[in-house]
Amino acid sequence: MAQLQIKLVRSLIGRTEVQRATVQSLGLRKLNQTVTRDDNPGLRGMLDKVAHMVQVTEIDA
């Protein structure tokens, strides 16, 4: 199963509550923080909502 490395590259200042909650549910708290998650359709949907704020890299397992 592929994994995704997700990095928060844009600030949450001035963003909507929905976008803030989505970033928090991804496990990101600070700017430039990176997390690794298993790839699945639910995660892809969350990433689509905040695509302008995160950088996503696919990792081969």
PDB file of N, CA and C in Angstrom:
ATOM      1  N   MET A   1       0.839  -1.181   0.000  1.00  0.00           N
ATOM      2  CA  MET A   1       0.000   0.000   0.000  1.00  0.00           C
ATOM      3  C   MET A   1       0.883   1.243   0.000  1.00  0.00           C
ATOM      4  N   ALA A   2       0.548   2.197  -0.817  1.00  0.00           N
ATOM      5  CA  ALA A   2       1.314   3.440  -0.899  1.00  0.00           C
ATOM      6  C   ALA A   2       1.028   4.326   0.303  1.00  0.00           C
ATOM      7  N   GLN A   3       1.985   5.150   0.595  1.00  0.00           N
ATOM      8  CA  GLN A   3       1.823   6.114   1.672  1.00  0.00           C
ATOM      9  C   GLN A   3       2.045   7.507   1.116  1.00  0.00           C
ATOM     10  N   LEU A   4       1.478   8.488   1.797  1.00  0.00           N
ATOM     11  CA  LEU A   4       1.621   9.879   1.406  1.00  0.00           C
ATOM     12  C   LEU A   4       2.321  10.657   2.505  1.00  0.00           C
ATOM     13  N   GLN A   5       3.281  11.465   2.117  1.00  0.00           N
ATOM     14  CA  GLN A   5       3.948  12.356   3.054  1.00  0.00           C
ATOM     15  C   GLN A   5       3.323  13.730   2.839  1.00  0.00           C
ATOM     16  N   ILE A   6       2.765  14.300   3.895  1.00  0.00           N
ATOM     17  CA  ILE A   6       2.009  15.550   3.809  1.00  0.00           C
ATOM     18  C   ILE A   6       2.728  16.609   4.645  1.00  0.00           C
ATOM     19  N   LYS A   7       2.976  17.758   4.027  1.00  0.00           N
ATOM     20  CA  LYS A   7       3.679  18.852   4.700  1.00  0.00           C
ATOM     21  C   LYS A   7       2.824  20.111   4.624  1.00  0.00           C
ATOM     22  N   LEU A   8       2.639  20.775   5.758  1.00  0.00           N
ATOM     23  CA  LEU A   8       1.894  22.035   5.815  1.00  0.00           C
ATOM     24  C   LEU A   8       2.820  23.167   5.386  1.00  0.00           C
ATOM     25  N   VAL A   9       2.515  23.814   4.262  1.00  0.00           N
ATOM     26  CA  VAL A   9       3.400  24.848   3.728  1.00  0.00           C
ATOM     27  C   VAL A   9       2.780  26.245   3.744  1.00  0.00           C
ATOM     28  N   ARG A  10       1.492  26.358   4.043  1.00  0.00           N
ATOM     29  CA  ARG A  10       0.825  27.655   4.124  1.00  0.00           C
ATOM     30  C   ARG A  10       0.179  27.801   5.495  1.00  0.00           C
ATOM     31  N   SER A  11       0.125  29.014   5.995  1.00  0.00           N
ATOM     32  CA  SER A  11      -0.403  29.295   7.315  1.00  0.00           C
ATOM     33  C   SER A  11      -1.922  29.109   7.375  1.00  0.00           C
ATOM     34  N   LEU A  12      -2.415  28.835   8.579  1.00  0.00           N
ATOM     35  CA  LEU A  12      -3.848  28.701   8.818  1.00  0.00           C
ATOM     36  C   LEU A  12      -4.521  30.042   9.123  1.00  0.00           C
ATOM     37  N   ILE A  13      -3.732  31.105   9.223  1.00  0.00           N
ATOM     38  CA  ILE A  13      -4.286  32.420   9.531  1.00  0.00           C
ATOM     39  C   ILE A  13      -5.209  32.861   8.405  1.00  0.00           C
ATOM     40  N   GLY A  14      -6.422  33.245   8.762  1.00  0.00           N
ATOM     41  CA  GLY A  14      -7.379  33.732   7.786  1.00  0.00           C
ATOM     42  C   GLY A  14      -8.134  32.645   7.045  1.00  0.00           C
ATOM     43  N   ARG A  15      -7.952  31.386   7.435  1.00  0.00           N
ATOM     44  CA  ARG A  15      -8.634  30.279   6.770  1.00  0.00           C
ATOM     45  C   ARG A  15      -9.959  30.003   7.465  1.00  0.00           C
ATOM     46  N   THR A  16     -10.842  29.295   6.773  1.00  0.00           N
ATOM     47  CA  THR A  16     -12.146  28.974   7.355  1.00  0.00           C
ATOM     48  C   THR A  16     -11.995  27.896   8.422  1.00  0.00           C
ATOM     49  N   GLU A  17     -13.004  27.772   9.261  1.00  0.00           N
ATOM     50  CA  GLU A  17     -12.978  26.767  10.322  1.00  0.00           C
ATOM     51  C   GLU A  17     -12.927  25.349   9.739  1.00  0.00           C
ATOM     52  N   VAL A  18     -13.596  25.145   8.617  1.00  0.00           N
ATOM     53  CA  VAL A  18     -13.588  23.821   7.982  1.00  0.00           C
ATOM     54  C   VAL A  18     -12.175  23.458   7.536  1.00  0.00           C
ATOM     55  N   GLN A  19     -11.458  24.404   6.944  1.00  0.00           N
ATOM     56  CA  GLN A  19     -10.084  24.143   6.511  1.00  0.00           C
ATOM     57  C   GLN A  19      -9.168  23.916   7.700  1.00  0.00           C
ATOM     58  N   ARG A  20      -9.352  24.680   8.764  1.00  0.00           N
ATOM     59  CA  ARG A  20      -8.540  24.482   9.973  1.00  0.00           C
ATOM     60  C   ARG A  20      -8.775  23.098  10.576  1.00  0.00           C
ATOM     61  N   ALA A  21     -10.040  22.675  10.619  1.00  0.00           N
ATOM     62  CA  ALA A  21     -10.375  21.361  11.174  1.00  0.00           C
ATOM     63  C   ALA A  21      -9.814  20.243  10.303  1.00  0.00           C
ATOM     64  N   THR A  22      -9.834  20.433   9.003  1.00  0.00           N
ATOM     65  CA  THR A  22      -9.296  19.422   8.092  1.00  0.00           C
ATOM     66  C   THR A  22      -7.796  19.259   8.294  1.00  0.00           C
ATOM     67  N   VAL A  23      -7.078  20.365   8.402  1.00  0.00           N
ATOM     68  CA  VAL A  23      -5.631  20.309   8.633  1.00  0.00           C
ATOM     69  C   VAL A  23      -5.335  19.652   9.972  1.00  0.00           C
ATOM     70  N   GLN A  24      -6.113  19.966  10.978  1.00  0.00           N
ATOM     71  CA  GLN A  24      -5.913  19.370  12.299  1.00  0.00           C
ATOM     72  C   GLN A  24      -6.182  17.868  12.252  1.00  0.00           C
ATOM     73  N   SER A  25      -7.198  17.441  11.524  1.00  0.00           N
ATOM     74  CA  SER A  25      -7.513  16.014  11.436  1.00  0.00           C
ATOM     75  C   SER A  25      -6.452  15.251  10.646  1.00  0.00           C
ATOM     76  N   LEU A  26      -5.715  15.948   9.798  1.00  0.00           N
ATOM     77  CA  LEU A  26      -4.588  15.317   9.104  1.00  0.00           C
ATOM     78  C   LEU A  26      -3.405  15.110  10.051  1.00  0.00           C
ATOM     79  N   GLY A  27      -3.437  15.753  11.202  1.00  0.00           N
ATOM     80  CA  GLY A  27      -2.366  15.608  12.181  1.00  0.00           C
ATOM     81  C   GLY A  27      -1.321  16.695  12.094  1.00  0.00           C
ATOM     82  N   LEU A  28      -1.646  17.785  11.398  1.00  0.00           N
ATOM     83  CA  LEU A  28      -0.698  18.881  11.232  1.00  0.00           C
ATOM     84  C   LEU A  28      -1.046  20.009  12.184  1.00  0.00           C
ATOM     85  N   ARG A  29      -0.042  20.536  12.872  1.00  0.00           N
ATOM     86  CA  ARG A  29      -0.261  21.612  13.827  1.00  0.00           C
ATOM     87  C   ARG A  29       0.572  22.840  13.507  1.00  0.00           C
ATOM     88  N   LYS A  30       1.821  22.629  13.106  1.00  0.00           N
ATOM     89  CA  LYS A  30       2.741  23.735  12.884  1.00  0.00           C
ATOM     90  C   LYS A  30       3.125  23.825  11.410  1.00  0.00           C
ATOM     91  N   LEU A  31       3.521  24.993  11.008  1.00  0.00           N
ATOM     92  CA  LEU A  31       4.000  25.230   9.663  1.00  0.00           C
ATOM     93  C   LEU A  31       5.255  24.393   9.410  1.00  0.00           C
ATOM     94  N   ASN A  32       5.365  23.804   8.243  1.00  0.00           N
ATOM     95  CA  ASN A  32       6.474  22.948   7.819  1.00  0.00           C
ATOM     96  C   ASN A  32       6.525  21.606   8.546  1.00  0.00           C
ATOM     97  N   GLN A  33       5.494  21.256   9.276  1.00  0.00           N
ATOM     98  CA  GLN A  33       5.417  19.956   9.918  1.00  0.00           C
ATOM     99  C   GLN A  33       5.045  18.919   8.860  1.00  0.00           C
ATOM    100  N   THR A  34       5.607  17.715   8.977  1.00  0.00           N
ATOM    101  CA  THR A  34       5.364  16.642   8.016  1.00  0.00           C
ATOM    102  C   THR A  34       4.811  15.430   8.731  1.00  0.00           C
ATOM    103  N   VAL A  35       3.787  14.805   8.128  1.00  0.00           N
ATOM    104  CA  VAL A  35       3.230  13.560   8.638  1.00  0.00           C
ATOM    105  C   VAL A  35       3.154  12.555   7.488  1.00  0.00           C
ATOM    106  N   THR A  36       3.126  11.277   7.837  1.00  0.00           N
ATOM    107  CA  THR A  36       2.996  10.217   6.845  1.00  0.00           C
ATOM    108  C   THR A  36       1.721   9.451   7.125  1.00  0.00           C
ATOM    109  N   ARG A  37       0.891   9.293   6.108  1.00  0.00           N
ATOM    110  CA  ARG A  37      -0.401   8.615   6.242  1.00  0.00           C
ATOM    111  C   ARG A  37      -0.560   7.598   5.118  1.00  0.00           C
ATOM    112  N   ASP A  38      -1.327   6.528   5.398  1.00  0.00           N
ATOM    113  CA  ASP A  38      -1.671   5.558   4.365  1.00  0.00           C
ATOM    114  C   ASP A  38      -2.631   6.190   3.369  1.00  0.00           C
ATOM    115  N   ASP A  39      -2.425   5.876   2.101  1.00  0.00           N
ATOM    116  CA  ASP A  39      -3.263   6.443   1.044  1.00  0.00           C
ATOM    117  C   ASP A  39      -4.606   5.736   1.000  1.00  0.00           C
ATOM    118  N   ASN A  40      -5.697   6.517   1.032  1.00  0.00           N
ATOM    119  CA  ASN A  40      -7.052   5.976   0.891  1.00  0.00           C
ATOM    120  C   ASN A  40      -7.957   7.081   0.356  1.00  0.00           C
ATOM    121  N   PRO A  41      -9.133   6.735  -0.150  1.00  0.00           N
ATOM    122  CA  PRO A  41     -10.016   7.749  -0.742  1.00  0.00           C
ATOM    123  C   PRO A  41     -10.437   8.853   0.228  1.00  0.00           C
ATOM    124  N   GLY A  42     -10.641   8.528   1.497  1.00  0.00           N
ATOM    125  CA  GLY A  42     -11.022   9.543   2.479  1.00  0.00           C
ATOM    126  C   GLY A  42      -9.932  10.578   2.678  1.00  0.00           C
ATOM    127  N   LEU A  43      -8.703  10.113   2.749  1.00  0.00           N
ATOM    128  CA  LEU A  43      -7.567  11.019   2.903  1.00  0.00           C
ATOM    129  C   LEU A  43      -7.421  11.895   1.671  1.00  0.00           C
ATOM    130  N   ARG A  44      -7.599  11.320   0.495  1.00  0.00           N
ATOM    131  CA  ARG A  44      -7.503  12.095  -0.749  1.00  0.00           C
ATOM    132  C   ARG A  44      -8.560  13.208  -0.793  1.00  0.00           C
ATOM    133  N   GLY A  45      -9.757  12.928  -0.283  1.00  0.00           N
ATOM    134  CA  GLY A  45     -10.805  13.937  -0.241  1.00  0.00           C
ATOM    135  C   GLY A  45     -10.439  15.084   0.680  1.00  0.00           C
ATOM    136  N   MET A  46      -9.845  14.758   1.834  1.00  0.00           N
ATOM    137  CA  MET A  46      -9.425  15.813   2.753  1.00  0.00           C
ATOM    138  C   MET A  46      -8.314  16.655   2.127  1.00  0.00           C
ATOM    139  N   LEU A  47      -7.401  16.012   1.414  1.00  0.00           N
ATOM    140  CA  LEU A  47      -6.306  16.740   0.780  1.00  0.00           C
ATOM    141  C   LEU A  47      -6.814  17.659  -0.333  1.00  0.00           C
ATOM    142  N   ASP A  48      -7.881  17.261  -1.020  1.00  0.00           N
ATOM    143  CA  ASP A  48      -8.460  18.126  -2.046  1.00  0.00           C
ATOM    144  C   ASP A  48      -8.998  19.419  -1.446  1.00  0.00           C
ATOM    145  N   LYS A  49      -9.518  19.353  -0.227  1.00  0.00           N
ATOM    146  CA  LYS A  49     -10.076  20.537   0.427  1.00  0.00           C
ATOM    147  C   LYS A  49      -9.010  21.552   0.828  1.00  0.00           C
ATOM    148  N   VAL A  50      -7.795  21.084   1.094  1.00  0.00           N
ATOM    149  CA  VAL A  50      -6.725  21.977   1.552  1.00  0.00           C
ATOM    150  C   VAL A  50      -5.487  21.876   0.651  1.00  0.00           C
ATOM    151  N   ALA A  51      -5.686  21.563  -0.615  1.00  0.00           N
ATOM    152  CA  ALA A  51      -4.575  21.358  -1.554  1.00  0.00           C
ATOM    153  C   ALA A  51      -3.695  22.604  -1.693  1.00  0.00           C
ATOM    154  N   HIS A  52      -4.282  23.783  -1.513  1.00  0.00           N
ATOM    155  CA  HIS A  52      -3.533  25.026  -1.635  1.00  0.00           C
ATOM    156  C   HIS A  52      -2.651  25.309  -0.423  1.00  0.00           C
ATOM    157  N   MET A  53      -2.778  24.496   0.626  1.00  0.00           N
ATOM    158  CA  MET A  53      -2.025  24.731   1.859  1.00  0.00           C
ATOM    159  C   MET A  53      -1.000  23.649   2.169  1.00  0.00           C
ATOM    160  N   VAL A  54      -1.070  22.512   1.472  1.00  0.00           N
ATOM    161  CA  VAL A  54      -0.196  21.389   1.788  1.00  0.00           C
ATOM    162  C   VAL A  54       0.602  20.971   0.557  1.00  0.00           C
ATOM    163  N   GLN A  55       1.693  20.280   0.828  1.00  0.00           N
ATOM    164  CA  GLN A  55       2.512  19.677  -0.226  1.00  0.00           C
ATOM    165  C   GLN A  55       2.465  18.173   0.013  1.00  0.00           C
ATOM    166  N   VAL A  56       2.124  17.410  -1.028  1.00  0.00           N
ATOM    167  CA  VAL A  56       1.949  15.968  -0.890  1.00  0.00           C
ATOM    168  C   VAL A  56       2.968  15.247  -1.750  1.00  0.00           C
ATOM    169  N   THR A  57       3.660  14.263  -1.133  1.00  0.00           N
ATOM    170  CA  THR A  57       4.625  13.437  -1.829  1.00  0.00           C
ATOM    171  C   THR A  57       4.244  11.975  -1.616  1.00  0.00           C
ATOM    172  N   GLU A  58       4.213  11.197  -2.699  1.00  0.00           N
ATOM    173  CA  GLU A  58       3.878   9.791  -2.591  1.00  0.00           C
ATOM    174  C   GLU A  58       5.134   8.990  -2.294  1.00  0.00           C
ATOM    175  N   ILE A  59       5.036   8.078  -1.314  1.00  0.00           N
ATOM    176  CA  ILE A  59       6.138   7.237  -0.899  1.00  0.00           C
ATOM    177  C   ILE A  59       5.802   5.799  -1.254  1.00  0.00           C
ATOM    178  N   ASP A  60       6.700   5.130  -1.963  1.00  0.00           N
ATOM    179  CA  ASP A  60       6.485   3.716  -2.285  1.00  0.00           C
ATOM    180  C   ASP A  60       6.880   2.871  -1.079  1.00  0.00           C
ATOM    181  N   ALA A  61       5.985   1.972  -0.704  1.00  0.00           N
ATOM    182  CA  ALA A  61       6.240   1.140   0.483  1.00  0.00           C
ATOM    183  C   ALA A  61       6.964  -0.135   0.117  1.00  0.00           C
TER     184      ALA A  61
END
